[in-house]
Amino acid sequence: EDVPAAFALEEASYPADEAATFDKLRMRQAQAGEFFYGGYSTDGLLKAFVCGTLTADDTLTEDSMSTHEPSGTTLCIHSVVTASEMRRQGVGSWMMKAYVAKVAEETRVRRILLLCKTTLIGFYEGAGFTNLGESDVEHGSDVWMLMEQRLS
């Protein structure tokens, strides 16, 4: 279980008002472990991760960030994190594409949703997501865009 390492990466990557708490990451790993995907260096250190939870709702909500509905068919990605020394090397893109491929092959998820800042729309479009516009979720002080990728 690499939740402490994931939390350290999360804290280093997001502003304090946006970072997931240790307890939220622990809950996501414990309840939705199949959607908690790590990228490791050759020496076994966690260098990147993507995690999410399932929802039965039609959209990503504030509540979906702290719950997991095992019967849901929509995956809400909550964290996409790459260690600072690994950024701008294609690691994040590879992680997202591998994550989506694994979810598409091994689960009954029909679509994936995530929130991103406007500066990252192009990154997620490059991973196959479509911008659905501004999200109603208030998380931190910035505006969030809702991105979607349909799997079926």
Protein backbone atom coordinates (compact mmCIF):
# COMPACT_ATOMS: atom_id res chain seq x y z
CA GLU A 1 0.00 0.00 0.00
CA ASP A 2 1.56 3.23 -1.22
CA VAL A 3 -1.01 5.70 0.09
CA PRO A 4 1.62 7.66 2.11
CA ALA A 5 3.77 8.05 -1.02
CA ALA A 6 0.71 8.99 -3.10
CA PHE A 7 -0.29 11.56 -0.49
CA ALA A 8 3.21 13.10 -0.55
CA LEU A 9 2.98 13.42 -4.36
CA GLU A 10 -0.56 14.84 -4.09
CA GLU A 11 0.50 17.47 -1.54
CA ALA A 12 3.49 18.48 -3.66
CA SER A 13 1.38 18.76 -6.83
CA TYR A 14 -1.81 20.54 -5.82
CA PRO A 15 -2.54 23.71 -3.82
CA ALA A 16 -3.66 22.98 -0.26
CA ASP A 17 -7.30 23.83 -1.04
CA GLU A 18 -7.35 21.30 -3.92
CA ALA A 19 -5.22 18.38 -2.74
CA ALA A 20 -6.99 15.24 -1.58
CA THR A 21 -6.56 14.51 2.10
CA PHE A 22 -4.72 11.42 3.28
CA ASP A 23 -8.05 9.95 4.41
CA LYS A 24 -9.65 10.51 0.99
CA LEU A 25 -6.74 8.82 -0.77
CA ARG A 26 -6.85 5.95 1.72
CA MET A 27 -10.60 5.55 1.15
CA ARG A 28 -10.16 5.58 -2.63
CA GLN A 29 -7.43 2.94 -2.45
CA ALA A 30 -9.35 0.76 0.03
CA GLN A 31 -12.76 0.96 -1.62
CA ALA A 32 -11.82 1.47 -5.27
CA GLY A 33 -8.37 -0.12 -5.46
CA GLU A 34 -8.89 -1.36 -9.02
CA PHE A 35 -9.06 2.32 -10.04
CA PHE A 36 -5.89 3.35 -8.17
CA TYR A 37 -3.03 2.98 -10.66
CA GLY A 38 0.62 3.71 -9.85
CA GLY A 39 3.71 4.37 -11.96
CA TYR A 40 7.01 3.34 -10.39
CA SER A 41 10.67 4.09 -11.02
CA THR A 42 13.12 1.24 -11.59
CA ASP A 43 14.04 1.43 -7.90
CA GLY A 44 10.41 0.84 -6.89
CA LEU A 45 9.47 4.37 -5.84
CA LEU A 46 6.02 5.72 -6.70
CA LYS A 47 6.51 8.50 -9.25
CA ALA A 48 2.99 8.95 -10.61
CA PHE A 49 -0.55 7.85 -9.95
CA VAL A 50 -4.11 8.14 -11.20
CA CYS A 51 -7.09 7.34 -9.00
CA GLY A 52 -10.83 7.53 -9.16
CA THR A 53 -14.11 6.17 -7.88
CA LEU A 54 -17.32 4.97 -9.47
CA THR A 55 -20.60 6.84 -9.39
CA ALA A 56 -24.12 6.06 -10.51
CA ASP A 57 -24.72 9.78 -11.11
CA ASP A 58 -24.66 11.42 -14.53
CA THR A 59 -21.91 13.85 -13.62
CA LEU A 60 -18.92 14.33 -11.35
CA THR A 61 -19.99 15.99 -8.11
CA GLU A 62 -18.33 17.13 -4.91
CA ASP A 63 -19.85 14.05 -3.23
CA SER A 64 -18.26 11.71 -5.77
CA MET A 65 -14.84 12.82 -4.54
CA SER A 66 -15.42 11.11 -1.20
CA THR A 67 -17.65 8.16 -2.13
CA HIS A 68 -17.42 5.01 -4.22
CA GLU A 69 -20.52 3.33 -5.63
CA PRO A 70 -19.39 -0.14 -6.79
CA SER A 71 -22.47 -0.55 -9.00
CA GLY A 72 -21.79 2.70 -10.88
CA THR A 73 -20.72 2.70 -14.53
CA THR A 74 -19.17 6.17 -14.58
CA LEU A 75 -15.60 6.49 -13.34
CA CYS A 76 -14.69 9.85 -11.82
CA ILE A 77 -10.95 10.46 -11.89
CA HIS A 78 -9.96 12.59 -8.91
CA SER A 79 -6.16 12.70 -9.03
CA VAL A 80 -3.66 12.61 -11.88
CA VAL A 81 -0.23 13.21 -10.37
CA THR A 82 3.33 12.99 -11.66
CA ALA A 83 6.41 13.71 -9.53
CA SER A 84 7.91 17.08 -10.45
CA GLU A 85 11.15 15.55 -11.73
CA MET A 86 9.19 13.30 -14.12
CA ARG A 87 7.02 16.02 -15.71
CA ARG A 88 7.28 17.04 -19.36
CA GLN A 89 8.68 13.61 -20.25
CA GLY A 90 5.45 11.98 -21.43
CA VAL A 91 4.89 10.13 -18.15
CA GLY A 92 1.51 11.75 -17.46
CA SER A 93 0.26 11.09 -21.00
CA TRP A 94 1.42 7.49 -20.83
CA MET A 95 -0.22 7.03 -17.43
CA MET A 96 -3.56 8.42 -18.63
CA LYS A 97 -3.61 6.32 -21.80
CA ALA A 98 -2.59 3.15 -19.92
CA TYR A 99 -5.17 3.86 -17.20
CA VAL A 100 -8.00 4.37 -19.70
CA ALA A 101 -6.98 1.24 -21.65
CA LYS A 102 -6.93 -0.86 -18.47
CA VAL A 103 -10.32 0.47 -17.35
CA ALA A 104 -11.80 -0.15 -20.82
CA GLU A 105 -10.49 -3.74 -20.96
CA GLU A 106 -11.03 -4.90 -17.40
CA THR A 107 -14.17 -3.18 -16.08
CA ARG A 108 -17.75 -2.43 -17.02
CA VAL A 109 -17.17 1.34 -16.90
CA ARG A 110 -19.00 3.06 -19.75
CA ARG A 111 -17.50 6.51 -19.42
CA ILE A 112 -14.83 8.42 -17.54
CA LEU A 113 -15.19 11.95 -16.17
CA LEU A 114 -12.60 14.28 -14.67
CA LEU A 115 -12.19 17.91 -13.74
CA CYS A 116 -9.26 19.97 -14.97
CA LYS A 117 -8.11 23.54 -15.10
CA THR A 118 -8.35 25.36 -18.43
CA THR A 119 -4.57 25.11 -18.90
CA LEU A 120 -4.82 21.29 -19.00
CA ILE A 121 -7.68 20.91 -21.49
CA GLY A 122 -5.22 20.15 -24.33
CA PHE A 123 -3.41 17.54 -22.25
CA TYR A 124 -6.62 15.62 -21.58
CA GLU A 125 -7.88 16.05 -25.15
CA GLY A 126 -4.60 14.41 -26.20
CA ALA A 127 -5.54 11.45 -23.99
CA GLY A 128 -8.92 11.11 -25.72
CA PHE A 129 -11.16 13.26 -23.52
CA THR A 130 -13.76 15.79 -24.72
CA ASN A 131 -14.34 19.12 -23.00
CA LEU A 132 -17.96 19.38 -21.80
CA GLY A 133 -17.54 22.92 -20.49
CA GLU A 134 -17.39 24.52 -17.08
CA SER A 135 -18.19 22.28 -14.11
CA ASP A 136 -20.55 23.26 -11.31
CA VAL A 137 -18.15 21.75 -8.76
CA GLU A 138 -16.46 24.27 -6.48
CA HIS A 139 -13.14 22.81 -5.35
CA GLY A 140 -10.54 25.35 -4.37
CA SER A 141 -10.55 28.83 -5.89
CA ASP A 142 -10.19 28.05 -9.62
CA VAL A 143 -12.75 27.28 -12.31
CA TRP A 144 -12.85 23.62 -13.31
CA MET A 145 -13.70 22.16 -16.70
CA LEU A 146 -15.55 18.85 -17.02
CA MET A 147 -13.88 16.36 -19.36
CA GLU A 148 -15.40 13.10 -20.61
CA GLN A 149 -14.28 9.97 -22.42
CA ARG A 150 -16.92 7.45 -23.49
CA LEU A 151 -15.86 3.82 -23.49
CA SER A 152 -18.98 2.25 -24.99
